[in-house]
N, C-alpha and C. Protein backbone atom coordinates (compact mmCIF):
# COMPACT_ATOMS: atom_id res chain seq x y z
N MET A 1 77.14 93.10 60.61
CA MET A 1 77.78 94.25 61.22
C MET A 1 76.74 95.33 61.50
N MET A 2 76.90 96.05 62.63
CA MET A 2 75.96 97.11 62.96
C MET A 2 76.68 98.24 63.68
N VAL A 3 75.94 99.33 63.82
CA VAL A 3 76.45 100.51 64.53
C VAL A 3 75.74 100.59 65.88
N ILE A 4 76.53 100.80 66.93
CA ILE A 4 75.97 100.96 68.26
C ILE A 4 76.44 102.28 68.86
N ALA A 5 75.70 102.78 69.82
CA ALA A 5 76.08 103.98 70.55
C ALA A 5 76.26 103.62 72.01
N ILE A 6 77.37 104.03 72.57
CA ILE A 6 77.61 103.87 74.00
C ILE A 6 77.57 105.26 74.62
N GLU A 7 76.61 105.49 75.49
CA GLU A 7 76.47 106.78 76.13
C GLU A 7 76.02 106.59 77.57
N LYS A 8 76.20 107.60 78.36
CA LYS A 8 75.90 107.51 79.78
C LYS A 8 74.44 107.14 79.99
N GLY A 9 74.21 106.10 80.78
CA GLY A 9 72.86 105.69 81.11
C GLY A 9 72.17 104.86 80.05
N SER A 10 72.91 104.41 79.02
CA SER A 10 72.26 103.63 77.97
C SER A 10 72.20 102.16 78.36
N TRP A 11 73.30 101.42 78.19
CA TRP A 11 73.32 100.03 78.62
C TRP A 11 74.69 99.72 79.18
N SER A 12 74.78 98.74 80.03
CA SER A 12 75.93 98.61 80.93
C SER A 12 77.06 97.71 80.42
N ASP A 13 76.77 96.74 79.58
CA ASP A 13 77.78 95.75 79.20
C ASP A 13 78.66 96.29 78.08
N THR A 14 79.57 97.23 78.44
CA THR A 14 80.34 97.94 77.41
C THR A 14 81.85 97.80 77.55
N ARG A 15 82.32 97.20 78.65
CA ARG A 15 83.75 97.23 78.93
C ARG A 15 84.58 96.63 77.80
N ARG A 16 84.13 95.51 77.25
CA ARG A 16 84.91 94.85 76.19
C ARG A 16 84.97 95.72 74.95
N PHE A 17 83.86 96.36 74.62
CA PHE A 17 83.84 97.24 73.46
C PHE A 17 84.77 98.44 73.65
N LEU A 18 84.74 99.04 74.84
CA LEU A 18 85.58 100.20 75.10
C LEU A 18 87.06 99.82 75.06
N ASP A 19 87.41 98.66 75.60
CA ASP A 19 88.80 98.22 75.57
C ASP A 19 89.28 98.04 74.12
N GLN A 20 88.43 97.44 73.29
CA GLN A 20 88.79 97.29 71.89
C GLN A 20 88.92 98.65 71.20
N MET A 21 88.02 99.56 71.54
CA MET A 21 88.07 100.90 70.96
C MET A 21 89.37 101.61 71.30
N TYR A 22 89.78 101.56 72.56
CA TYR A 22 91.03 102.20 72.96
C TYR A 22 92.22 101.55 72.24
N GLY A 23 92.14 100.23 72.01
CA GLY A 23 93.21 99.56 71.28
C GLY A 23 93.27 99.99 69.82
N LEU A 24 92.11 100.13 69.19
CA LEU A 24 92.08 100.58 67.80
C LEU A 24 92.61 102.00 67.69
N ARG A 25 92.26 102.84 68.62
CA ARG A 25 92.75 104.22 68.62
C ARG A 25 94.27 104.26 68.76
N ALA A 26 94.84 103.42 69.59
CA ALA A 26 96.31 103.38 69.74
C ALA A 26 96.98 102.97 68.45
N LYS A 27 96.42 101.98 67.77
CA LYS A 27 97.00 101.51 66.51
C LYS A 27 97.01 102.61 65.45
N VAL A 28 95.92 103.36 65.40
CA VAL A 28 95.80 104.37 64.35
C VAL A 28 96.55 105.65 64.70
N PHE A 29 96.27 106.23 65.87
CA PHE A 29 96.80 107.55 66.16
C PHE A 29 98.22 107.54 66.69
N ASP A 30 98.61 106.50 67.42
CA ASP A 30 99.97 106.42 67.94
C ASP A 30 100.89 105.72 66.94
N GLU A 31 100.55 104.51 66.54
CA GLU A 31 101.46 103.71 65.72
C GLU A 31 101.49 104.16 64.26
N ARG A 32 100.33 104.44 63.68
CA ARG A 32 100.30 104.75 62.24
C ARG A 32 100.51 106.23 61.95
N LEU A 33 99.78 107.10 62.66
CA LEU A 33 99.84 108.53 62.36
C LEU A 33 100.92 109.27 63.14
N GLY A 34 101.37 108.71 64.24
CA GLY A 34 102.42 109.36 65.02
C GLY A 34 101.96 110.62 65.73
N TRP A 35 100.66 110.69 66.08
CA TRP A 35 100.18 111.82 66.84
C TRP A 35 100.69 111.73 68.28
N GLN A 36 100.79 112.88 68.94
CA GLN A 36 101.26 112.90 70.32
C GLN A 36 100.07 112.58 71.24
N VAL A 37 99.80 111.30 71.40
CA VAL A 37 98.68 110.84 72.21
C VAL A 37 99.19 110.02 73.38
N ALA A 38 98.33 109.87 74.37
CA ALA A 38 98.70 109.13 75.58
C ALA A 38 98.37 107.66 75.41
N ALA A 39 99.25 106.92 74.76
CA ALA A 39 99.04 105.49 74.54
C ALA A 39 99.88 104.70 75.54
N ARG A 40 99.23 103.79 76.27
CA ARG A 40 99.91 102.94 77.24
C ARG A 40 99.36 101.53 77.11
N ASP A 41 100.27 100.57 77.10
CA ASP A 41 99.89 99.15 77.03
C ASP A 41 98.98 98.87 75.85
N GLY A 42 99.26 99.54 74.73
CA GLY A 42 98.48 99.30 73.53
C GLY A 42 97.09 99.89 73.55
N ARG A 43 96.84 100.85 74.44
CA ARG A 43 95.54 101.50 74.52
C ARG A 43 95.74 103.02 74.54
N GLU A 44 94.84 103.75 73.87
CA GLU A 44 94.92 105.21 73.86
C GLU A 44 93.69 105.79 74.50
N ARG A 45 93.90 106.65 75.50
CA ARG A 45 92.81 107.29 76.21
C ARG A 45 93.29 108.65 76.69
N ASP A 46 92.38 109.64 76.75
CA ASP A 46 92.78 110.96 77.22
C ASP A 46 91.71 111.55 78.14
N THR A 47 91.93 112.78 78.57
CA THR A 47 91.03 113.40 79.55
C THR A 47 89.63 113.63 78.99
N PHE A 48 89.50 113.73 77.68
CA PHE A 48 88.17 113.95 77.10
C PHE A 48 87.28 112.71 77.23
N ASP A 49 87.90 111.56 77.46
CA ASP A 49 87.12 110.35 77.71
C ASP A 49 86.50 110.35 79.11
N ASP A 50 86.89 111.31 79.95
CA ASP A 50 86.31 111.43 81.29
C ASP A 50 85.09 112.35 81.31
N LEU A 51 84.68 112.88 80.16
CA LEU A 51 83.61 113.87 80.10
C LEU A 51 82.26 113.28 79.67
N ASP A 52 82.10 111.99 79.85
CA ASP A 52 80.86 111.30 79.46
C ASP A 52 80.51 111.50 78.00
N PRO A 53 81.47 111.22 77.10
CA PRO A 53 81.15 111.37 75.68
C PRO A 53 80.22 110.26 75.20
N VAL A 54 79.71 110.42 74.00
CA VAL A 54 79.01 109.36 73.30
C VAL A 54 80.02 108.72 72.34
N TYR A 55 80.06 107.39 72.32
CA TYR A 55 80.91 106.67 71.39
C TYR A 55 80.02 105.98 70.36
N ILE A 56 80.31 106.19 69.10
CA ILE A 56 79.65 105.47 68.03
C ILE A 56 80.63 104.41 67.55
N LEU A 57 80.22 103.15 67.57
CA LEU A 57 81.10 102.04 67.21
C LEU A 57 80.50 101.20 66.10
N ALA A 58 81.36 100.74 65.19
CA ALA A 58 80.97 99.73 64.22
C ALA A 58 81.44 98.39 64.75
N VAL A 59 80.51 97.45 64.90
CA VAL A 59 80.79 96.17 65.55
C VAL A 59 80.38 95.03 64.64
N THR A 60 81.26 94.02 64.51
CA THR A 60 80.96 92.88 63.66
C THR A 60 80.05 91.90 64.39
N ALA A 61 79.59 90.88 63.66
CA ALA A 61 78.75 89.84 64.25
C ALA A 61 79.50 89.06 65.32
N LYS A 62 80.83 89.12 65.30
CA LYS A 62 81.64 88.45 66.31
C LYS A 62 82.00 89.37 67.48
N ASN A 63 81.33 90.52 67.55
CA ASN A 63 81.55 91.49 68.63
C ASN A 63 82.93 92.14 68.58
N ASP A 64 83.50 92.29 67.38
CA ASP A 64 84.77 92.98 67.21
C ASP A 64 84.53 94.42 66.79
N VAL A 65 85.17 95.36 67.46
CA VAL A 65 85.06 96.77 67.12
C VAL A 65 85.99 97.08 65.96
N VAL A 66 85.43 97.56 64.86
CA VAL A 66 86.23 97.86 63.66
C VAL A 66 86.12 99.32 63.25
N GLY A 67 85.42 100.11 64.03
CA GLY A 67 85.33 101.54 63.76
C GLY A 67 84.83 102.26 64.99
N CYS A 68 85.29 103.51 65.19
CA CYS A 68 84.86 104.24 66.37
C CYS A 68 84.98 105.74 66.15
N VAL A 69 84.21 106.48 66.93
CA VAL A 69 84.31 107.93 66.98
C VAL A 69 83.78 108.38 68.34
N ARG A 70 84.28 109.50 68.81
CA ARG A 70 83.85 110.07 70.09
C ARG A 70 83.13 111.39 69.81
N LEU A 71 81.96 111.58 70.44
CA LEU A 71 81.18 112.79 70.26
C LEU A 71 81.01 113.51 71.59
N LEU A 72 81.26 114.82 71.58
CA LEU A 72 81.09 115.67 72.76
C LEU A 72 80.36 116.95 72.38
N PRO A 73 79.65 117.59 73.32
CA PRO A 73 79.01 118.87 73.01
C PRO A 73 80.06 119.90 72.58
N ALA A 74 79.79 120.59 71.49
CA ALA A 74 80.76 121.57 70.98
C ALA A 74 80.87 122.80 71.87
N THR A 75 79.89 122.99 72.76
CA THR A 75 79.92 124.16 73.64
C THR A 75 80.71 123.91 74.92
N GLY A 76 81.08 122.66 75.18
CA GLY A 76 81.84 122.34 76.38
C GLY A 76 83.33 122.24 76.07
N PRO A 77 84.10 121.66 76.98
CA PRO A 77 85.51 121.41 76.67
C PRO A 77 85.62 120.51 75.44
N THR A 78 86.40 120.92 74.46
CA THR A 78 86.58 120.15 73.23
C THR A 78 88.05 120.08 72.88
N MET A 79 88.40 119.09 72.08
CA MET A 79 89.78 118.98 71.61
C MET A 79 90.14 120.16 70.74
N LEU A 80 89.19 120.60 69.91
CA LEU A 80 89.49 121.70 69.00
C LEU A 80 89.93 122.95 69.75
N MET A 81 89.13 123.38 70.70
CA MET A 81 89.43 124.64 71.37
C MET A 81 90.47 124.50 72.48
N SER A 82 90.62 123.29 73.04
CA SER A 82 91.59 123.10 74.13
C SER A 82 92.96 122.69 73.63
N VAL A 83 93.01 121.89 72.55
CA VAL A 83 94.28 121.32 72.08
C VAL A 83 94.72 121.90 70.75
N PHE A 84 93.76 122.17 69.85
CA PHE A 84 94.10 122.62 68.50
C PHE A 84 93.48 123.96 68.13
N PRO A 85 93.48 124.95 69.01
CA PRO A 85 92.85 126.24 68.65
C PRO A 85 93.54 126.91 67.46
N GLN A 86 94.81 126.57 67.23
CA GLN A 86 95.54 127.18 66.12
C GLN A 86 94.98 126.80 64.76
N LEU A 87 94.13 125.76 64.73
CA LEU A 87 93.56 125.33 63.46
C LEU A 87 92.34 126.15 63.05
N VAL A 88 91.87 127.04 63.94
CA VAL A 88 90.69 127.86 63.64
C VAL A 88 91.12 129.29 63.35
N SER A 89 90.91 129.70 62.11
CA SER A 89 91.16 131.09 61.75
C SER A 89 89.89 131.77 61.25
N ASP A 90 88.80 131.01 61.16
CA ASP A 90 87.51 131.55 60.72
C ASP A 90 86.85 132.26 61.90
N GLU A 91 86.82 133.59 61.87
CA GLU A 91 86.27 134.36 62.98
C GLU A 91 84.77 134.16 63.13
N ALA A 92 84.12 133.63 62.08
CA ALA A 92 82.68 133.42 62.13
C ALA A 92 82.30 132.13 62.85
N PHE A 93 83.30 131.29 63.17
CA PHE A 93 83.01 130.02 63.83
C PHE A 93 82.47 130.26 65.23
N SER A 94 81.31 129.68 65.51
CA SER A 94 80.67 129.85 66.82
C SER A 94 79.97 128.57 67.23
N PRO A 95 80.53 127.79 68.16
CA PRO A 95 79.87 126.57 68.64
C PRO A 95 78.50 126.88 69.23
N HIS A 96 77.55 125.95 69.07
CA HIS A 96 76.20 126.16 69.59
C HIS A 96 75.64 124.83 70.08
N ALA A 97 74.46 124.87 70.67
CA ALA A 97 73.89 123.69 71.34
C ALA A 97 73.55 122.56 70.38
N GLN A 98 73.32 122.87 69.11
CA GLN A 98 73.00 121.83 68.13
C GLN A 98 74.22 121.33 67.38
N MET A 99 75.41 121.66 67.88
CA MET A 99 76.66 121.21 67.27
C MET A 99 77.37 120.25 68.23
N VAL A 100 77.94 119.17 67.68
CA VAL A 100 78.78 118.26 68.47
C VAL A 100 80.18 118.23 67.87
N GLU A 101 81.15 117.90 68.71
CA GLU A 101 82.50 117.70 68.22
C GLU A 101 82.75 116.21 68.02
N SER A 102 83.26 115.87 66.87
CA SER A 102 83.68 114.50 66.56
C SER A 102 85.19 114.43 66.71
N SER A 103 85.66 113.42 67.45
CA SER A 103 87.10 113.24 67.59
C SER A 103 87.42 111.75 67.66
N ARG A 104 88.68 111.43 67.46
CA ARG A 104 89.17 110.05 67.51
C ARG A 104 88.42 109.14 66.54
N PHE A 105 88.09 109.66 65.36
CA PHE A 105 87.46 108.83 64.33
C PHE A 105 88.52 107.93 63.72
N CYS A 106 88.25 106.63 63.70
CA CYS A 106 89.17 105.72 63.03
C CYS A 106 88.45 104.41 62.69
N VAL A 107 88.95 103.74 61.67
CA VAL A 107 88.40 102.45 61.27
C VAL A 107 89.54 101.48 61.03
N ASP A 108 89.24 100.20 61.20
CA ASP A 108 90.19 99.13 60.89
C ASP A 108 89.94 98.72 59.44
N THR A 109 90.79 99.20 58.55
CA THR A 109 90.59 98.92 57.12
C THR A 109 91.35 97.68 56.67
N THR A 110 92.07 97.02 57.58
CA THR A 110 92.93 95.91 57.16
C THR A 110 92.14 94.69 56.70
N THR A 111 90.94 94.52 57.23
CA THR A 111 90.15 93.34 56.87
C THR A 111 88.83 93.72 56.20
N GLN A 112 88.68 95.00 55.85
CA GLN A 112 87.41 95.46 55.32
C GLN A 112 87.49 95.75 53.83
N ARG A 113 86.43 95.46 53.13
CA ARG A 113 86.40 95.65 51.68
C ARG A 113 86.06 97.08 51.32
N LYS A 114 86.47 97.46 50.11
CA LYS A 114 86.08 98.75 49.57
C LYS A 114 84.80 98.59 48.77
N GLY A 115 83.95 99.63 48.83
CA GLY A 115 82.70 99.59 48.10
C GLY A 115 82.62 100.71 47.10
N ARG A 116 81.40 101.20 46.86
CA ARG A 116 81.23 102.24 45.85
C ARG A 116 81.96 103.51 46.26
N GLY A 117 82.54 104.17 45.25
CA GLY A 117 83.31 105.37 45.49
C GLY A 117 84.68 105.11 46.07
N GLY A 118 85.07 103.84 46.14
CA GLY A 118 86.38 103.51 46.70
C GLY A 118 86.45 103.63 48.20
N LEU A 119 85.29 103.74 48.87
CA LEU A 119 85.27 103.86 50.32
C LEU A 119 85.13 102.50 50.97
N HIS A 120 85.85 102.31 52.06
CA HIS A 120 85.69 101.08 52.84
C HIS A 120 84.28 101.03 53.41
N HIS A 121 83.73 99.84 53.47
CA HIS A 121 82.37 99.66 53.98
C HIS A 121 82.25 100.21 55.40
N VAL A 122 83.25 99.98 56.24
CA VAL A 122 83.16 100.44 57.62
C VAL A 122 83.19 101.97 57.69
N THR A 123 83.96 102.60 56.82
CA THR A 123 84.00 104.06 56.79
C THR A 123 82.62 104.63 56.48
N ARG A 124 81.97 104.08 55.47
CA ARG A 124 80.63 104.54 55.12
C ARG A 124 79.65 104.24 56.26
N LEU A 125 79.82 103.10 56.90
CA LEU A 125 78.96 102.72 58.02
C LEU A 125 79.11 103.72 59.16
N MET A 126 80.34 104.12 59.45
CA MET A 126 80.59 105.07 60.53
C MET A 126 80.03 106.45 60.20
N PHE A 127 80.22 106.91 58.98
CA PHE A 127 79.65 108.21 58.59
C PHE A 127 78.13 108.19 58.78
N ALA A 128 77.49 107.11 58.33
CA ALA A 128 76.04 107.01 58.47
C ALA A 128 75.64 106.97 59.94
N GLY A 129 76.42 106.27 60.77
CA GLY A 129 76.12 106.18 62.19
C GLY A 129 76.19 107.54 62.88
N ILE A 130 77.21 108.32 62.55
CA ILE A 130 77.33 109.67 63.12
C ILE A 130 76.12 110.50 62.73
N LEU A 131 75.78 110.47 61.45
CA LEU A 131 74.65 111.24 60.96
C LEU A 131 73.34 110.81 61.62
N GLU A 132 73.10 109.50 61.70
CA GLU A 132 71.84 109.04 62.27
C GLU A 132 71.73 109.44 63.74
N TRP A 133 72.82 109.25 64.49
CA TRP A 133 72.75 109.59 65.91
C TRP A 133 72.50 111.09 66.08
N CYS A 134 73.19 111.92 65.30
CA CYS A 134 73.00 113.37 65.40
C CYS A 134 71.56 113.75 65.04
N LEU A 135 71.04 113.16 63.99
CA LEU A 135 69.66 113.45 63.60
C LEU A 135 68.68 113.05 64.70
N SER A 136 68.94 111.92 65.35
CA SER A 136 68.03 111.45 66.39
C SER A 136 68.05 112.34 67.63
N ARG A 137 69.11 113.15 67.77
CA ARG A 137 69.24 114.03 68.94
C ARG A 137 69.04 115.50 68.59
N GLY A 138 68.70 115.79 67.35
CA GLY A 138 68.44 117.17 66.95
C GLY A 138 69.66 118.01 66.67
N HIS A 139 70.80 117.38 66.45
CA HIS A 139 72.01 118.14 66.12
C HIS A 139 72.05 118.45 64.63
N THR A 140 72.57 119.62 64.30
CA THR A 140 72.59 120.07 62.91
C THR A 140 73.98 120.19 62.31
N GLN A 141 75.02 120.14 63.15
CA GLN A 141 76.39 120.28 62.65
C GLN A 141 77.36 119.45 63.48
N VAL A 142 78.43 119.03 62.83
CA VAL A 142 79.54 118.33 63.48
C VAL A 142 80.81 119.11 63.20
N VAL A 143 81.55 119.46 64.24
CA VAL A 143 82.85 120.08 64.07
C VAL A 143 83.92 119.05 64.40
N THR A 144 85.01 119.07 63.68
CA THR A 144 86.02 118.02 63.89
C THR A 144 87.41 118.51 63.54
N VAL A 145 88.39 117.89 64.17
CA VAL A 145 89.79 118.01 63.76
C VAL A 145 90.17 116.72 63.07
N THR A 146 90.62 116.81 61.84
CA THR A 146 90.94 115.62 61.08
C THR A 146 92.20 115.86 60.26
N ASP A 147 92.46 115.02 59.28
CA ASP A 147 93.62 115.24 58.42
C ASP A 147 93.19 115.29 56.96
N LEU A 148 94.15 115.58 56.09
CA LEU A 148 93.83 115.75 54.68
C LEU A 148 93.28 114.47 54.06
N ALA A 149 93.75 113.32 54.53
CA ALA A 149 93.27 112.05 53.97
C ALA A 149 91.78 111.86 54.25
N ILE A 150 91.35 112.13 55.50
CA ILE A 150 89.94 111.98 55.84
C ILE A 150 89.11 113.04 55.12
N GLU A 151 89.65 114.24 54.96
CA GLU A 151 88.93 115.26 54.21
C GLU A 151 88.64 114.80 52.79
N ARG A 152 89.62 114.15 52.16
CA ARG A 152 89.41 113.63 50.81
C ARG A 152 88.38 112.52 50.81
N ILE A 153 88.41 111.65 51.82
CA ILE A 153 87.43 110.56 51.92
C ILE A 153 86.02 111.13 52.09
N LEU A 154 85.89 112.15 52.94
CA LEU A 154 84.59 112.80 53.12
C LEU A 154 84.09 113.38 51.80
N GLY A 155 85.00 113.98 51.04
CA GLY A 155 84.63 114.54 49.75
C GLY A 155 84.15 113.49 48.78
N ARG A 156 84.84 112.33 48.76
CA ARG A 156 84.41 111.25 47.87
C ARG A 156 83.04 110.71 48.28
N ALA A 157 82.77 110.75 49.59
CA ALA A 157 81.48 110.27 50.09
C ALA A 157 80.36 111.27 49.82
N GLY A 158 80.73 112.52 49.53
CA GLY A 158 79.72 113.54 49.31
C GLY A 158 79.31 114.28 50.57
N TRP A 159 80.11 114.13 51.65
CA TRP A 159 79.86 114.85 52.90
C TRP A 159 80.95 115.91 53.02
N LEU A 160 80.67 117.11 52.56
CA LEU A 160 81.69 118.13 52.37
C LEU A 160 82.04 118.84 53.67
N LEU A 161 83.34 118.97 53.91
CA LEU A 161 83.86 119.63 55.12
C LEU A 161 84.13 121.10 54.81
N ARG A 162 83.55 121.98 55.61
CA ARG A 162 83.85 123.42 55.49
C ARG A 162 85.03 123.74 56.41
N ARG A 163 86.16 124.06 55.82
CA ARG A 163 87.37 124.32 56.61
C ARG A 163 87.23 125.55 57.48
N LEU A 164 87.80 125.46 58.67
CA LEU A 164 87.85 126.58 59.59
C LEU A 164 89.21 127.27 59.57
N GLY A 165 90.12 126.74 58.78
CA GLY A 165 91.44 127.31 58.67
C GLY A 165 92.30 126.43 57.79
N PRO A 166 93.52 126.86 57.47
CA PRO A 166 94.40 126.06 56.63
C PRO A 166 94.99 124.87 57.38
N PRO A 167 95.35 123.81 56.67
CA PRO A 167 95.97 122.64 57.32
C PRO A 167 97.31 123.00 57.94
N GLN A 168 97.63 122.30 59.04
CA GLN A 168 98.93 122.47 59.70
C GLN A 168 99.46 121.09 60.08
N ARG A 169 100.78 120.98 60.18
CA ARG A 169 101.37 119.68 60.49
C ARG A 169 101.19 119.34 61.96
N VAL A 170 100.70 118.11 62.20
CA VAL A 170 100.58 117.55 63.55
C VAL A 170 101.13 116.13 63.47
N GLY A 171 102.24 115.87 64.17
CA GLY A 171 102.87 114.55 64.06
C GLY A 171 103.32 114.31 62.63
N ARG A 172 102.91 113.16 62.08
CA ARG A 172 103.30 112.82 60.71
C ARG A 172 102.21 113.12 59.70
N THR A 173 101.24 113.93 60.10
CA THR A 173 100.13 114.21 59.19
C THR A 173 99.84 115.70 59.13
N ARG A 174 99.00 116.09 58.17
CA ARG A 174 98.56 117.47 58.03
C ARG A 174 97.13 117.56 58.54
N ALA A 175 96.95 118.27 59.65
CA ALA A 175 95.66 118.34 60.31
C ALA A 175 94.91 119.62 59.96
N LEU A 176 93.59 119.56 60.05
CA LEU A 176 92.76 120.74 59.84
C LEU A 176 91.47 120.58 60.61
N ALA A 177 90.79 121.70 60.84
CA ALA A 177 89.49 121.71 61.51
C ALA A 177 88.42 122.10 60.50
N GLY A 178 87.23 121.55 60.68
CA GLY A 178 86.15 121.88 59.77
C GLY A 178 84.80 121.52 60.35
N VAL A 179 83.75 121.94 59.65
CA VAL A 179 82.37 121.72 60.08
C VAL A 179 81.64 120.94 58.99
N LEU A 180 80.85 119.96 59.43
CA LEU A 180 80.04 119.13 58.55
C LEU A 180 78.57 119.37 58.86
N ALA A 181 77.76 119.52 57.82
CA ALA A 181 76.31 119.69 58.01
C ALA A 181 75.66 118.33 58.25
N VAL A 182 74.64 118.32 59.09
CA VAL A 182 73.87 117.11 59.39
C VAL A 182 72.48 117.26 58.79
N ASP A 183 72.13 116.35 57.90
CA ASP A 183 70.77 116.38 57.33
C ASP A 183 70.39 114.98 56.88
N SER A 184 69.10 114.74 56.77
CA SER A 184 68.61 113.40 56.45
C SER A 184 68.98 112.97 55.05
N GLY A 185 69.08 113.92 54.11
CA GLY A 185 69.45 113.57 52.75
C GLY A 185 70.85 112.98 52.68
N THR A 186 71.79 113.58 53.41
CA THR A 186 73.15 113.05 53.43
C THR A 186 73.18 111.67 54.06
N PHE A 187 72.42 111.49 55.15
CA PHE A 187 72.36 110.18 55.78
C PHE A 187 71.84 109.12 54.81
N GLU A 188 70.74 109.40 54.12
CA GLU A 188 70.17 108.42 53.20
C GLU A 188 71.13 108.12 52.05
N ARG A 189 71.87 109.10 51.62
CA ARG A 189 72.82 108.90 50.52
C ARG A 189 74.04 108.09 50.95
N LEU A 190 74.45 108.28 52.20
CA LEU A 190 75.69 107.65 52.67
C LEU A 190 75.49 106.25 53.24
N LYS A 191 74.32 105.96 53.79
CA LYS A 191 74.19 104.69 54.51
C LYS A 191 74.32 103.52 53.53
N PRO A 192 75.13 102.53 53.89
CA PRO A 192 75.33 101.38 53.00
C PRO A 192 74.13 100.44 53.00
N VAL A 193 74.08 99.59 52.00
CA VAL A 193 73.02 98.58 51.93
C VAL A 193 73.10 97.67 53.16
N GLY A 194 71.97 97.39 53.76
CA GLY A 194 71.95 96.54 54.95
C GLY A 194 72.32 97.26 56.23
N TYR A 195 72.36 98.60 56.20
CA TYR A 195 72.72 99.37 57.39
C TYR A 195 71.77 99.05 58.55
N VAL A 196 72.36 98.78 59.72
CA VAL A 196 71.60 98.50 60.94
C VAL A 196 72.25 99.22 62.10
N SER A 197 71.44 99.85 62.93
CA SER A 197 71.95 100.47 64.15
C SER A 197 71.06 100.09 65.32
N THR A 198 71.54 100.34 66.53
CA THR A 198 70.75 100.07 67.74
C THR A 198 70.23 101.35 68.35
N PHE A 199 70.30 102.47 67.66
CA PHE A 199 69.90 103.74 68.24
C PHE A 199 68.42 103.74 68.60
N ASP A 200 68.14 104.33 69.76
CA ASP A 200 66.77 104.48 70.24
C ASP A 200 66.07 103.16 70.47
N ARG A 201 66.86 102.11 70.68
CA ARG A 201 66.26 100.82 71.04
C ARG A 201 66.42 100.60 72.54
N PRO A 202 65.59 99.78 73.15
CA PRO A 202 65.74 99.49 74.58
C PRO A 202 67.09 98.83 74.85
N ALA A 203 67.64 99.10 76.02
CA ALA A 203 68.89 98.45 76.41
C ALA A 203 68.73 96.96 76.41
N ALA A 204 69.81 96.26 75.99
CA ALA A 204 69.75 94.79 75.95
C ALA A 204 71.14 94.24 76.14
N PRO A 205 71.27 93.01 76.58
CA PRO A 205 72.58 92.40 76.73
C PRO A 205 73.31 92.32 75.40
N THR A 206 74.64 92.28 75.45
CA THR A 206 75.44 92.24 74.24
C THR A 206 75.06 91.08 73.35
N SER A 207 74.78 89.91 73.93
CA SER A 207 74.51 88.71 73.12
C SER A 207 73.31 88.90 72.23
N SER A 208 72.27 89.60 72.72
CA SER A 208 71.08 89.78 71.90
C SER A 208 71.21 90.95 70.95
N LEU A 209 72.04 91.94 71.32
CA LEU A 209 72.22 93.08 70.43
C LEU A 209 72.96 92.68 69.16
N LEU A 210 73.92 91.79 69.29
CA LEU A 210 74.83 91.54 68.18
C LEU A 210 74.79 90.11 67.69
N SER A 211 73.73 89.40 67.96
CA SER A 211 73.63 88.02 67.51
C SER A 211 73.30 87.96 66.03
């Protein structure tokens, strides 16, 4: 299993991965959490996917997507400020060029084992992937809208979320906004044994990337 990044101008053979990602998002956010998302034909996609985001994916040796997250510049249109501004009550919050927004984070935990700290291997893999990609691009913070369950998971992992306001109900869950610090120490602490990513590697066909 490895972590890959899909971003504009990186490599072209991504359609199968993106289709699986949209399917995983529908299962988690529409079917399980009951969020008000635009899910059609078992796929979830919204207008923020039209803004050339970066997708960080956890992919198995069989080319199955088992984890995903979407990253966008925090200074541009974001889910937080466009859809969930009510979650921010911290007047000191100020997006900047070294901050990215993380959204649509989800993992397929149905077939994945739990490891140290009670965290699923894919969850730890995804956290490490977000951190590594941000570090490689000079980002220092991640802002996100998440729920209380993910906040607790982040806490168990040792990646502490600074809340921007109190939790509020969204669908069948309690949502909140917060900021995560990006640093190499957290990445080294979180990355699982055998961690592999394709970041900053030359573009290559899917068969050679994931063989």
